[in-house]
N, C-alpha and C. Protein backbone atom coordinates (compact mmCIF):
# COMPACT_ATOMS: atom_id res chain seq x y z
N MET A 1 51.82 -45.01 -55.29
CA MET A 1 51.11 -44.28 -56.35
C MET A 1 50.48 -45.03 -57.61
N LYS A 2 50.84 -46.02 -57.67
CA LYS A 2 50.05 -46.75 -58.33
C LYS A 2 48.58 -46.95 -58.50
N ASN A 3 48.23 -47.50 -56.71
CA ASN A 3 47.23 -47.11 -56.43
C ASN A 3 46.21 -45.97 -57.02
N LEU A 4 46.86 -44.83 -56.32
CA LEU A 4 46.09 -43.74 -56.59
C LEU A 4 46.07 -43.38 -58.02
N ILE A 5 46.78 -43.40 -58.88
CA ILE A 5 46.58 -43.34 -60.41
C ILE A 5 45.70 -44.39 -60.59
N GLY A 6 45.23 -45.40 -60.09
CA GLY A 6 43.98 -46.60 -60.57
C GLY A 6 42.59 -45.80 -59.60
N VAL A 7 43.18 -45.22 -58.78
CA VAL A 7 41.54 -44.65 -58.02
C VAL A 7 41.02 -43.21 -58.74
N ALA A 8 42.12 -42.82 -59.47
CA ALA A 8 41.94 -41.61 -60.27
C ALA A 8 40.96 -41.99 -60.91
N PHE A 9 41.84 -43.09 -62.03
CA PHE A 9 40.89 -43.35 -63.35
C PHE A 9 39.81 -44.16 -62.85
N LEU A 10 39.27 -44.82 -61.82
CA LEU A 10 38.73 -45.44 -61.65
C LEU A 10 37.20 -43.99 -61.65
N LEU A 11 37.43 -42.90 -60.75
CA LEU A 11 36.66 -42.36 -60.84
C LEU A 11 36.09 -41.76 -61.54
N LEU A 12 37.82 -40.87 -62.96
CA LEU A 12 37.31 -40.67 -64.10
C LEU A 12 36.37 -41.71 -64.87
N ILE A 13 36.23 -42.71 -64.77
CA ILE A 13 35.26 -43.35 -65.47
C ILE A 13 33.95 -43.51 -64.95
N LEU A 14 33.93 -43.39 -63.49
CA LEU A 14 32.76 -43.29 -62.90
C LEU A 14 32.04 -42.48 -63.21
N ILE A 15 32.84 -40.64 -62.91
CA ILE A 15 32.24 -39.61 -63.74
C ILE A 15 31.59 -39.71 -65.01
N GLY A 16 32.13 -39.57 -65.87
CA GLY A 16 32.08 -40.29 -67.44
C GLY A 16 31.10 -40.69 -67.49
N CYS A 17 30.74 -42.55 -66.93
CA CYS A 17 29.57 -42.97 -66.85
C CYS A 17 28.07 -42.49 -66.54
N LYS A 18 28.01 -41.98 -65.43
CA LYS A 18 27.23 -40.74 -64.49
C LYS A 18 26.99 -39.64 -65.90
N ASN A 19 27.54 -39.07 -66.20
CA ASN A 19 27.37 -37.94 -67.42
C ASN A 19 26.62 -38.46 -68.65
N LYS A 20 27.69 -39.57 -68.61
CA LYS A 20 26.91 -39.94 -70.43
C LYS A 20 25.16 -40.75 -69.95
N GLU A 21 24.88 -40.96 -68.58
CA GLU A 21 23.68 -41.88 -68.42
C GLU A 21 22.78 -40.19 -68.39
N SER A 22 22.84 -39.32 -67.69
CA SER A 22 22.22 -38.13 -67.78
C SER A 22 22.04 -37.28 -68.89
N ASN A 23 22.45 -37.44 -69.53
CA ASN A 23 22.54 -37.11 -71.36
C ASN A 23 22.01 -37.83 -71.86
N GLN A 24 21.68 -39.06 -71.99
CA GLN A 24 20.26 -39.89 -72.02
C GLN A 24 19.51 -39.95 -71.89
N GLU A 25 19.15 -39.42 -70.43
CA GLU A 25 17.86 -39.26 -69.98
C GLU A 25 17.24 -37.71 -70.94
N TYR A 26 18.40 -37.04 -70.90
CA TYR A 26 17.88 -35.53 -71.51
C TYR A 26 17.44 -35.96 -73.26
N ASP A 27 18.44 -36.70 -73.98
CA ASP A 27 17.81 -36.93 -75.31
C ASP A 27 16.41 -38.02 -74.86
N SER A 28 16.59 -38.68 -74.53
CA SER A 28 15.53 -39.38 -74.63
C SER A 28 13.77 -38.31 -73.71
N SER A 29 14.07 -37.96 -73.45
CA SER A 29 13.26 -36.79 -72.93
C SER A 29 12.91 -35.33 -74.30
N ALA A 30 14.10 -35.12 -74.73
CA ALA A 30 13.46 -34.25 -76.13
C ALA A 30 13.27 -34.88 -77.15
N ASN A 31 13.33 -35.87 -77.33
CA ASN A 31 12.88 -36.64 -78.60
C ASN A 31 11.54 -37.19 -78.45
N SER A 32 10.79 -36.97 -77.25
CA SER A 32 9.53 -38.07 -76.89
C SER A 32 8.46 -37.12 -77.79
N ASN A 33 7.88 -37.76 -78.35
CA ASN A 33 6.41 -36.84 -78.81
C ASN A 33 5.58 -36.42 -78.13
N THR A 34 4.94 -35.56 -78.64
CA THR A 34 3.79 -35.02 -77.95
C THR A 34 2.56 -35.90 -78.39
N SER A 35 1.67 -36.25 -77.31
CA SER A 35 0.84 -37.17 -77.42
C SER A 35 -0.33 -35.80 -77.32
N TYR A 36 -1.39 -36.17 -78.16
CA TYR A 36 -2.64 -35.48 -78.43
C TYR A 36 -3.77 -36.18 -78.58
N SER A 37 -4.91 -36.08 -77.76
CA SER A 37 -6.29 -36.19 -77.76
C SER A 37 -7.02 -35.93 -79.30
N ILE A 38 -8.10 -36.46 -79.37
CA ILE A 38 -8.82 -36.63 -80.48
C ILE A 38 -9.12 -35.09 -80.59
N ASN A 39 -9.83 -34.36 -79.78
CA ASN A 39 -10.00 -33.16 -79.77
C ASN A 39 -9.12 -31.84 -79.64
N GLY A 40 -7.87 -32.19 -79.77
CA GLY A 40 -6.34 -31.07 -79.77
C GLY A 40 -6.25 -31.05 -78.94
N SER A 41 -6.50 -31.44 -77.54
CA SER A 41 -5.80 -30.65 -76.45
C SER A 41 -4.73 -31.84 -76.35
N ASN A 42 -3.67 -31.10 -75.57
CA ASN A 42 -2.40 -31.93 -75.50
C ASN A 42 -2.49 -32.10 -73.72
N ASN A 43 -1.61 -33.14 -73.93
CA ASN A 43 -0.79 -33.91 -72.30
C ASN A 43 0.16 -33.05 -72.46
N GLU A 44 0.98 -33.38 -71.55
CA GLU A 44 2.09 -32.64 -70.70
C GLU A 44 3.07 -32.72 -71.92
N GLU A 45 3.52 -31.52 -72.70
CA GLU A 45 3.95 -30.90 -73.50
C GLU A 45 5.83 -31.91 -73.07
N LYS A 46 6.06 -32.60 -74.35
CA LYS A 46 8.04 -32.68 -74.20
C LYS A 46 8.21 -32.99 -75.31
N THR A 47 7.60 -32.31 -76.09
CA THR A 47 8.28 -32.34 -77.63
C THR A 47 9.28 -31.24 -78.20
N ASP A 48 10.20 -31.43 -78.50
CA ASP A 48 11.22 -30.23 -79.11
C ASP A 48 10.35 -29.41 -79.51
N PRO A 49 11.53 -28.28 -79.53
CA PRO A 49 10.29 -26.89 -80.59
C PRO A 49 10.37 -27.17 -81.99
N ILE A 50 11.30 -27.28 -82.36
CA ILE A 50 11.66 -27.87 -83.90
C ILE A 50 10.33 -28.73 -84.81
N GLU A 51 10.17 -29.79 -83.63
CA GLU A 51 8.75 -30.60 -83.72
C GLU A 51 7.27 -30.59 -83.48
N LYS A 52 7.64 -29.22 -82.72
CA LYS A 52 6.13 -28.68 -82.30
C LYS A 52 5.54 -27.60 -83.45
N LYS A 53 6.96 -26.75 -84.00
CA LYS A 53 6.47 -26.16 -84.58
C LYS A 53 5.89 -26.50 -85.67
N VAL A 54 6.78 -27.84 -86.72
CA VAL A 54 6.11 -28.84 -87.36
C VAL A 54 4.79 -29.07 -87.41
N ASN A 55 4.10 -29.53 -85.96
CA ASN A 55 2.80 -30.12 -85.69
C ASN A 55 2.20 -28.89 -86.06
N ASP A 56 2.40 -27.85 -85.62
CA ASP A 56 1.22 -26.48 -85.58
C ASP A 56 1.22 -26.31 -86.51
N ILE A 57 2.41 -26.42 -87.34
CA ILE A 57 1.95 -25.78 -89.09
C ILE A 57 1.21 -26.88 -89.53
N ASN A 58 1.33 -28.01 -89.41
CA ASN A 58 0.62 -29.51 -90.56
C ASN A 58 -1.43 -28.63 -90.10
N LYS A 59 -1.45 -28.74 -88.57
CA LYS A 59 -2.46 -28.71 -87.76
C LYS A 59 -3.20 -26.86 -88.83
N SER A 60 -2.08 -25.72 -88.67
CA SER A 60 -3.10 -24.71 -89.35
C SER A 60 -3.22 -24.72 -90.89
N GLU A 61 -2.51 -25.70 -91.47
CA GLU A 61 -2.81 -26.22 -93.03
C GLU A 61 -4.16 -26.86 -93.32
N ILE A 62 -4.36 -27.56 -92.24
CA ILE A 62 -5.88 -28.02 -92.06
C ILE A 62 -7.25 -27.46 -92.30
N LYS A 63 -7.97 -27.48 -93.44
CA LYS A 63 -8.97 -26.51 -93.96
C LYS A 63 -10.41 -27.27 -93.62
N LYS A 64 -11.25 -26.51 -93.44
CA LYS A 64 -12.51 -26.72 -92.98
C LYS A 64 -13.14 -27.01 -93.91
N PRO A 65 -14.44 -28.28 -94.15
CA PRO A 65 -15.14 -28.00 -95.48
C PRO A 65 -15.57 -27.09 -96.03
N GLU A 66 -16.21 -25.98 -95.31
CA GLU A 66 -16.61 -24.93 -96.22
C GLU A 66 -15.51 -23.93 -96.36
N GLU A 67 -14.19 -23.93 -95.96
CA GLU A 67 -13.51 -23.06 -96.72
C GLU A 67 -12.75 -23.61 -98.00
N SER A 68 -12.57 -25.12 -98.33
CA SER A 68 -12.45 -25.56 -99.50
C SER A 68 -13.68 -25.60 -100.30
N SER A 69 -14.72 -25.28 -100.08
CA SER A 69 -15.47 -25.67 -101.18
C SER A 69 -15.94 -24.23 -101.32
N PRO A 70 -15.98 -22.77 -101.46
CA PRO A 70 -16.58 -21.78 -101.17
C PRO A 70 -18.12 -21.79 -102.17
N SER A 71 -18.32 -22.36 -103.03
CA SER A 71 -19.19 -22.38 -104.02
C SER A 71 -20.58 -23.57 -102.82
N SER A 72 -19.82 -24.32 -102.19
CA SER A 72 -21.16 -24.83 -101.26
C SER A 72 -22.25 -24.46 -101.14
N THR A 73 -22.01 -22.90 -100.77
CA THR A 73 -23.22 -22.31 -99.94
C THR A 73 -24.31 -21.82 -101.33
N ILE A 74 -23.80 -22.13 -102.35
CA ILE A 74 -24.98 -21.19 -102.92
C ILE A 74 -25.91 -22.22 -103.96
N SER A 75 -26.23 -23.24 -103.22
CA SER A 75 -27.08 -23.88 -102.83
C SER A 75 -28.45 -23.44 -103.08
N GLY A 76 -29.53 -23.96 -103.59
CA GLY A 76 -30.66 -23.38 -103.56
C GLY A 76 -31.86 -22.74 -104.27
N ASN A 77 -32.80 -21.93 -104.24
CA ASN A 77 -33.70 -21.41 -105.53
C ASN A 77 -33.16 -20.11 -105.89
N TYR A 78 -32.72 -19.50 -107.06
CA TYR A 78 -32.38 -18.36 -107.06
C TYR A 78 -33.75 -17.44 -107.99
N ILE A 79 -33.87 -16.66 -108.42
CA ILE A 79 -34.96 -15.82 -109.72
C ILE A 79 -33.92 -14.64 -109.88
N LYS A 80 -33.53 -14.75 -111.05
CA LYS A 80 -33.28 -13.43 -112.05
C LYS A 80 -33.29 -12.22 -111.62
N LEU A 81 -32.17 -11.35 -111.81
CA LEU A 81 -32.65 -9.71 -111.35
C LEU A 81 -33.53 -9.68 -112.64
N GLY A 82 -34.48 -8.60 -111.84
CA GLY A 82 -35.52 -7.74 -113.51
C GLY A 82 -36.64 -8.46 -113.71
N GLU A 83 -36.62 -10.03 -113.59
CA GLU A 83 -37.80 -10.89 -113.82
C GLU A 83 -38.35 -11.74 -112.33
N GLU A 84 -38.42 -10.92 -111.20
CA GLU A 84 -39.34 -11.27 -110.35
C GLU A 84 -40.67 -11.56 -110.10
N THR A 85 -41.35 -11.10 -111.09
CA THR A 85 -42.98 -10.85 -111.17
C THR A 85 -42.75 -12.87 -111.69
N ASP A 86 -41.79 -13.42 -112.04
CA ASP A 86 -41.98 -14.97 -112.26
C ASP A 86 -41.90 -15.89 -111.23
N VAL A 87 -43.02 -15.65 -110.37
CA VAL A 87 -43.09 -15.75 -108.92
C VAL A 87 -43.24 -17.63 -108.96
N ASN A 88 -43.69 -18.28 -110.24
CA ASN A 88 -43.92 -19.99 -110.85
C ASN A 88 -42.61 -19.88 -111.20
N CYS A 89 -41.47 -19.44 -111.44
CA CYS A 89 -40.35 -20.34 -111.73
C CYS A 89 -40.71 -21.09 -113.12
N ASP A 90 -41.50 -20.15 -113.68
CA ASP A 90 -41.73 -20.76 -115.46
C ASP A 90 -40.10 -20.85 -116.21
N CYS A 91 -39.40 -19.82 -116.09
CA CYS A 91 -38.60 -19.78 -116.67
C CYS A 91 -37.23 -18.85 -116.12
N TYR A 92 -37.17 -18.48 -115.50
CA TYR A 92 -36.12 -17.36 -114.73
C TYR A 92 -35.56 -17.33 -113.36
N CYS A 93 -35.67 -18.94 -113.51
CA CYS A 93 -35.75 -19.47 -111.87
C CYS A 93 -34.07 -20.34 -112.34
N LEU A 94 -33.08 -20.49 -110.85
CA LEU A 94 -32.25 -21.59 -110.82
C LEU A 94 -32.66 -21.89 -109.52
N ASN A 95 -32.11 -23.78 -109.56
CA ASN A 95 -32.87 -24.09 -108.56
C ASN A 95 -31.11 -25.48 -108.69
N ILE A 96 -30.57 -24.79 -107.89
CA ILE A 96 -28.90 -25.62 -107.80
C ILE A 96 -29.00 -26.34 -106.42
N ASN A 97 -28.48 -27.23 -106.96
CA ASN A 97 -28.70 -28.74 -106.55
C ASN A 97 -27.49 -29.75 -106.75
N TYR A 98 -26.91 -29.93 -106.22
CA TYR A 98 -25.03 -30.82 -106.84
C TYR A 98 -25.67 -32.21 -106.83
N ALA A 99 -26.40 -32.25 -105.92
CA ALA A 99 -26.86 -33.83 -105.96
C ALA A 99 -28.02 -34.65 -107.01
N ASN A 100 -28.50 -33.59 -107.62
CA ASN A 100 -29.83 -34.10 -108.42
C ASN A 100 -29.78 -33.40 -109.38
N ASN A 101 -29.68 -33.55 -110.81
CA ASN A 101 -30.27 -32.44 -112.29
C ASN A 101 -31.45 -31.55 -112.01
N SER A 102 -31.12 -30.88 -112.40
CA SER A 102 -31.98 -29.86 -112.56
C SER A 102 -32.24 -29.33 -113.63
N GLU A 103 -33.47 -27.97 -113.80
CA GLU A 103 -33.68 -27.62 -115.26
C GLU A 103 -33.49 -26.50 -115.73
N PHE A 104 -33.48 -25.86 -116.93
CA PHE A 104 -33.07 -24.33 -117.37
C PHE A 104 -34.17 -24.17 -118.19
N CYS A 105 -34.36 -23.24 -118.54
CA CYS A 105 -35.60 -22.59 -119.27
C CYS A 105 -34.34 -22.00 -120.63
N LEU A 106 -34.97 -22.54 -121.71
CA LEU A 106 -34.15 -21.98 -123.20
C LEU A 106 -34.75 -20.67 -123.74
N VAL A 107 -36.61 -21.31 -123.44
CA VAL A 107 -37.46 -20.50 -124.40
C VAL A 107 -38.54 -20.51 -123.88
N LYS A 108 -39.00 -19.58 -122.67
CA LYS A 108 -40.46 -19.87 -121.85
C LYS A 108 -41.62 -20.63 -122.58
N ASP A 109 -41.84 -21.48 -121.61
CA ASP A 109 -42.68 -22.14 -122.35
C ASP A 109 -43.26 -22.97 -123.36
N LYS A 110 -41.83 -23.36 -123.92
CA LYS A 110 -41.33 -23.78 -125.16
C LYS A 110 -40.40 -24.94 -125.13
N MET A 111 -38.79 -24.71 -124.50
CA MET A 111 -38.06 -25.25 -124.36
C MET A 111 -37.24 -25.56 -123.31
N TYR A 112 -37.04 -26.14 -122.63
CA TYR A 112 -35.85 -26.60 -121.76
C TYR A 112 -35.31 -27.76 -121.48
N ILE A 113 -34.28 -27.79 -120.80
CA ILE A 113 -33.37 -28.77 -120.92
C ILE A 113 -33.10 -29.28 -119.32
N ASN A 114 -32.29 -30.78 -119.29
CA ASN A 114 -31.57 -31.07 -117.86
C ASN A 114 -30.43 -30.88 -117.70
N VAL A 115 -30.04 -30.03 -116.70
CA VAL A 115 -28.86 -29.82 -116.14
C VAL A 115 -28.23 -30.34 -115.32
N LYS A 116 -26.91 -30.75 -115.02
CA LYS A 116 -26.16 -30.91 -113.49
C LYS A 116 -25.31 -30.24 -113.48
N PHE A 117 -25.04 -29.35 -111.64
CA PHE A 117 -23.80 -28.71 -111.31
C PHE A 117 -22.35 -29.48 -111.21
N GLU A 118 -22.02 -28.69 -110.95
CA GLU A 118 -20.27 -29.45 -110.63
C GLU A 118 -19.37 -27.96 -109.89
N LYS A 119 -19.19 -28.47 -108.44
CA LYS A 119 -18.70 -27.36 -108.26
C LYS A 119 -17.24 -27.52 -108.42
N ASN A 120 -16.52 -26.12 -108.89
CA ASN A 120 -15.32 -26.22 -109.72
C ASN A 120 -14.06 -25.90 -108.33
N GLN A 121 -12.79 -26.13 -108.68
CA GLN A 121 -11.92 -25.51 -107.69
C GLN A 121 -11.60 -24.34 -107.55
N ASP A 122 -11.95 -23.41 -108.51
CA ASP A 122 -11.73 -21.80 -107.56
C ASP A 122 -13.12 -21.29 -107.49
N GLY A 123 -14.02 -22.25 -106.97
CA GLY A 123 -15.14 -21.80 -106.03
C GLY A 123 -16.89 -21.44 -107.15
N THR A 124 -16.04 -21.38 -108.25
CA THR A 124 -17.26 -21.16 -109.24
C THR A 124 -17.85 -22.46 -109.73
N THR A 125 -19.47 -22.43 -110.22
CA THR A 125 -20.15 -23.28 -110.31
C THR A 125 -20.30 -23.41 -112.36
N ILE A 126 -19.72 -25.35 -112.33
CA ILE A 126 -20.35 -25.28 -113.48
C ILE A 126 -21.08 -26.29 -113.94
N VAL A 127 -21.66 -25.94 -114.72
CA VAL A 127 -23.53 -26.44 -115.78
C VAL A 127 -23.04 -27.08 -116.42
N TYR A 128 -23.54 -28.13 -117.06
CA TYR A 128 -23.66 -29.09 -118.15
C TYR A 128 -24.84 -30.37 -118.17
N TYR A 129 -24.92 -30.23 -119.86
CA TYR A 129 -26.34 -30.37 -120.18
C TYR A 129 -25.84 -32.04 -120.34
N VAL A 130 -27.55 -32.44 -119.51
CA VAL A 130 -27.48 -33.68 -119.84
C VAL A 130 -28.65 -33.93 -120.91
N ASN A 131 -29.77 -33.60 -121.33
CA ASN A 131 -30.94 -34.26 -122.23
C ASN A 131 -31.81 -33.35 -122.03
N PRO A 132 -32.71 -32.75 -123.18
CA PRO A 132 -33.57 -32.25 -123.54
C PRO A 132 -34.92 -32.29 -122.06
N SER A 133 -35.50 -32.08 -122.25
CA SER A 133 -36.88 -32.03 -121.02
C SER A 133 -37.93 -32.54 -121.80
N ASN A 134 -38.61 -33.23 -120.69
CA ASN A 134 -39.94 -33.65 -121.14
C ASN A 134 -40.76 -32.84 -121.50
N LYS A 135 -40.94 -31.51 -121.39
CA LYS A 135 -41.80 -30.32 -121.29
C LYS A 135 -41.71 -29.92 -122.59
N ASN A 136 -40.65 -30.04 -123.54
CA ASN A 136 -40.46 -29.37 -124.67
C ASN A 136 -41.40 -29.15 -125.68
N VAL A 137 -41.85 -28.32 -126.27
CA VAL A 137 -43.31 -28.50 -126.89
C VAL A 137 -42.19 -27.59 -128.68
N GLU A 138 -41.37 -27.55 -128.52
CA GLU A 138 -40.66 -27.23 -129.50
C GLU A 138 -39.27 -27.90 -129.28
N GLY A 139 -38.48 -27.61 -130.49
CA GLY A 139 -37.12 -27.68 -130.60
C GLY A 139 -36.92 -29.37 -131.20
N LYS A 140 -37.49 -29.89 -131.70
CA LYS A 140 -37.97 -31.29 -132.57
C LYS A 140 -36.65 -31.65 -133.43
N ASP A 141 -36.41 -30.26 -134.11
CA ASP A 141 -34.80 -30.54 -134.79
C ASP A 141 -33.81 -30.12 -134.58
N ILE A 142 -33.49 -29.35 -133.16
CA ILE A 142 -31.90 -29.17 -132.66
C ILE A 142 -31.81 -31.16 -132.25
N PRO A 143 -30.58 -31.10 -133.02
CA PRO A 143 -29.74 -32.34 -132.28
C PRO A 143 -28.84 -32.45 -131.33
N TRP A 144 -30.44 -32.92 -130.48
CA TRP A 144 -30.12 -32.91 -128.51
C TRP A 144 -29.13 -33.51 -128.45
N ASP A 145 -29.09 -34.91 -129.44
CA ASP A 145 -27.87 -36.27 -128.93
C ASP A 145 -26.26 -35.75 -129.54
N LYS A 146 -26.40 -34.37 -130.13
CA LYS A 146 -25.24 -34.60 -130.21
C LYS A 146 -24.13 -33.51 -129.73
N PHE A 147 -25.33 -32.69 -128.42
CA PHE A 147 -24.21 -31.68 -128.12
C PHE A 147 -23.31 -32.57 -127.07
N ASP A 148 -22.30 -32.18 -126.80
CA ASP A 148 -21.46 -32.56 -125.67
C ASP A 148 -21.66 -32.25 -124.25
N ARG A 149 -21.80 -33.24 -123.57
CA ARG A 149 -21.92 -33.87 -122.28
C ARG A 149 -21.51 -33.72 -120.82
N ASN A 150 -19.87 -33.22 -121.07
CA ASN A 150 -18.33 -32.90 -120.68
C ASN A 150 -18.03 -31.51 -121.29
N ILE A 151 -18.35 -30.88 -121.73
CA ILE A 151 -17.97 -29.49 -122.02
C ILE A 151 -19.39 -28.66 -121.45
N PRO A 152 -19.36 -27.61 -120.36
CA PRO A 152 -20.14 -26.68 -119.68
C PRO A 152 -20.70 -25.88 -120.34
N ILE A 153 -21.74 -25.62 -120.31
CA ILE A 153 -22.73 -24.63 -121.10
C ILE A 153 -22.92 -23.51 -120.24
N ALA A 154 -22.35 -23.22 -119.06
CA ALA A 154 -22.92 -21.87 -118.23
C ALA A 154 -21.51 -22.14 -116.88
N LYS A 155 -21.39 -20.99 -117.04
CA LYS A 155 -20.73 -21.37 -115.54
C LYS A 155 -21.15 -19.93 -114.78
N ILE A 156 -21.73 -20.21 -113.05
CA ILE A 156 -21.84 -19.27 -112.00
C ILE A 156 -21.15 -19.26 -111.00
N GLU A 157 -21.13 -17.92 -111.11
CA GLU A 157 -20.30 -17.34 -109.94
C GLU A 157 -20.63 -16.59 -108.82
N ASN A 158 -20.60 -16.61 -107.41
CA ASN A 158 -20.81 -15.47 -106.23
C ASN A 158 -20.04 -14.53 -106.70
N THR A 159 -21.49 -13.46 -106.77
CA THR A 159 -21.26 -12.19 -106.30
C THR A 159 -21.29 -11.52 -105.36
N GLU A 160 -21.46 -9.93 -104.91
CA GLU A 160 -21.53 -9.59 -103.61
C GLU A 160 -23.18 -9.09 -103.13
N ASN A 161 -23.64 -9.27 -101.77
CA ASN A 161 -24.56 -9.26 -101.39
C ASN A 161 -25.25 -11.19 -101.56
N ASN A 162 -24.59 -11.67 -101.50
CA ASN A 162 -25.52 -13.15 -101.72
C ASN A 162 -26.02 -13.03 -102.86
N GLN A 163 -25.77 -12.56 -104.06
CA GLN A 163 -25.86 -13.27 -105.47
C GLN A 163 -25.18 -13.86 -106.29
N LEU A 164 -25.64 -14.23 -107.27
CA LEU A 164 -24.88 -14.83 -108.30
C LEU A 164 -25.11 -14.32 -109.35
N LYS A 165 -24.23 -14.96 -110.57
CA LYS A 165 -23.82 -14.91 -111.89
C LYS A 165 -23.64 -15.47 -113.02
N LEU A 166 -24.51 -15.73 -113.71
CA LEU A 166 -24.41 -16.78 -114.46
C LEU A 166 -23.98 -16.27 -115.94
N ASP A 167 -23.23 -17.03 -116.47
CA ASP A 167 -22.13 -16.67 -117.73
C ASP A 167 -22.75 -17.24 -119.08
N TRP A 168 -23.75 -17.54 -120.00
CA TRP A 168 -24.14 -18.54 -120.96
C TRP A 168 -22.87 -18.97 -121.63
N LEU A 169 -22.33 -19.85 -121.94
CA LEU A 169 -21.11 -20.28 -122.42
C LEU A 169 -21.72 -20.91 -123.57
N GLY A 170 -22.45 -21.68 -123.91
CA GLY A 170 -23.44 -22.33 -125.34
C GLY A 170 -23.05 -23.78 -125.57
N PHE A 171 -24.32 -24.08 -126.24
CA PHE A 171 -23.89 -25.90 -126.44
C PHE A 171 -22.17 -25.88 -127.34
N SER A 172 -21.44 -27.12 -127.06
CA SER A 172 -21.19 -27.01 -127.96
C SER A 172 -20.50 -28.81 -128.50
N ILE A 173 -20.53 -29.59 -129.90
CA ILE A 173 -20.75 -30.56 -130.75
C ILE A 173 -19.26 -30.85 -130.97
N ASP A 174 -19.01 -32.07 -130.84
CA ASP A 174 -17.06 -32.32 -131.01
C ASP A 174 -16.28 -31.44 -130.58
N GLY A 175 -16.67 -31.00 -129.47
CA GLY A 175 -15.43 -29.48 -128.78
C GLY A 175 -16.00 -28.71 -129.32
N LYS A 176 -16.51 -28.08 -130.50
CA LYS A 176 -16.39 -26.55 -130.71
C LYS A 176 -18.00 -26.20 -130.54
N LEU A 177 -17.87 -24.77 -130.46
CA LEU A 177 -19.04 -24.10 -129.90
C LEU A 177 -20.12 -24.30 -131.00
N ALA A 178 -21.36 -24.84 -131.01
CA ALA A 178 -22.47 -25.02 -131.42
C ALA A 178 -22.80 -23.54 -131.91
N VAL A 179 -22.18 -23.03 -133.05
CA VAL A 179 -23.02 -21.17 -133.10
C VAL A 179 -24.40 -21.07 -133.16
N ASP A 180 -24.92 -22.73 -134.61
CA ASP A 180 -26.30 -22.52 -134.50
C ASP A 180 -27.34 -22.52 -133.61
N TYR A 181 -26.56 -22.99 -132.00
CA TYR A 181 -27.49 -23.11 -131.02
C TYR A 181 -27.21 -22.27 -130.31
N ALA A 182 -26.75 -21.12 -130.39
CA ALA A 182 -26.03 -20.72 -128.79
C ALA A 182 -26.74 -19.69 -128.28
N ILE A 183 -27.26 -18.98 -129.36
CA ILE A 183 -28.26 -18.16 -128.81
C ILE A 183 -29.20 -18.65 -128.11
N TYR A 184 -30.11 -20.01 -127.97
CA TYR A 184 -30.90 -20.56 -126.94
C TYR A 184 -30.35 -20.67 -125.35
N GLY A 185 -30.66 -20.21 -124.36
CA GLY A 185 -30.65 -20.45 -123.16
C GLY A 185 -29.65 -18.53 -122.80
N LYS A 186 -29.38 -18.35 -123.97
CA LYS A 186 -28.47 -17.09 -123.60
C LYS A 186 -29.50 -15.60 -122.36
N LYS A 187 -30.45 -15.39 -123.48
CA LYS A 187 -31.40 -14.36 -123.46
C LYS A 187 -31.86 -15.12 -121.84
N THR A 188 -32.52 -16.15 -121.89
CA THR A 188 -33.64 -16.33 -120.27
C THR A 188 -32.69 -16.55 -119.68
N LEU A 189 -31.40 -17.39 -119.82
CA LEU A 189 -30.54 -17.89 -118.86
C LEU A 189 -29.32 -16.79 -117.92
N GLU A 190 -28.66 -15.92 -118.89
CA GLU A 190 -27.72 -14.90 -118.44
C GLU A 190 -27.87 -13.55 -117.56
N GLY A 191 -27.13 -13.63 -116.73
CA GLY A 191 -27.19 -12.39 -115.70
C GLY A 191 -27.20 -12.96 -114.61
N ASN A 192 -27.82 -11.97 -113.61
CA ASN A 192 -27.68 -11.63 -112.32
C ASN A 192 -29.17 -12.07 -111.17
N TYR A 193 -28.69 -13.23 -110.11
CA TYR A 193 -29.59 -13.91 -109.90
C TYR A 193 -29.04 -13.48 -108.13
N LYS A 194 -30.43 -13.34 -107.40
CA LYS A 194 -30.87 -13.42 -106.12
C LYS A 194 -31.26 -14.19 -105.22
N ILE A 195 -31.47 -14.84 -104.51
CA ILE A 195 -31.97 -15.98 -103.53
C ILE A 195 -33.52 -15.77 -103.20
N LYS A 196 -34.06 -16.65 -104.07
CA LYS A 196 -35.76 -16.37 -103.62
C LYS A 196 -36.66 -16.81 -102.91
C-alpha cells in the first residue's frame, strides 16, 4: 500500500512538472516581441494582442513631414490679386523662402524692407522685420533700428485654390504697435495672392 501511495505521489509530481513546463513554453512565446524590419514588414508574429495594438497605435501616430507642416507648401513666388500687371514684381509680389531673407515693398519705387519667414505650428507663416533695404530712396526719418525684430509684422495663411492671404500687423516698438508707422505696408502688401 505504501508503494502504491508513493508511486501515485511520484506520478502527481511528474504530471505537475510536465504541466509547468508546457505553461512556461506558452508564456515565453506569448511574451516574445515581434521583430520588424526597417521597411515596416514583420517577421512571423508572436506578439500578444495587447502589445500588437500598442505597436499599431504608435505607428499610426507617426506623421509624415508634410502632414506636420502644412505651410511648407507655400514656398515660391506669389503675386497680389488685382495687381497682375506688376510682371517684374516691383511691388506686389511675395517671394516666400524659409531659408533666406526676402524683400517687401512698403511704397512702390521708394521704400522696401527685408523680412524673414517662419512656419507657425498652426500652419500659417509668420513674417518678421529684419532691416531696411538698400533700395530705399525714402524713409530716412523712420526709426528702423527701433522696430522690434521678434514681433511679427504680418501673417500669411493658405486659402482655397492654392492662394494666400496676407494680414498686415504693422511694426512694433518695445512690444507696442508703432501707430505712426502702421500704415506702411498695409496698402501694398495686405490682401490675397496667387502663385506667379
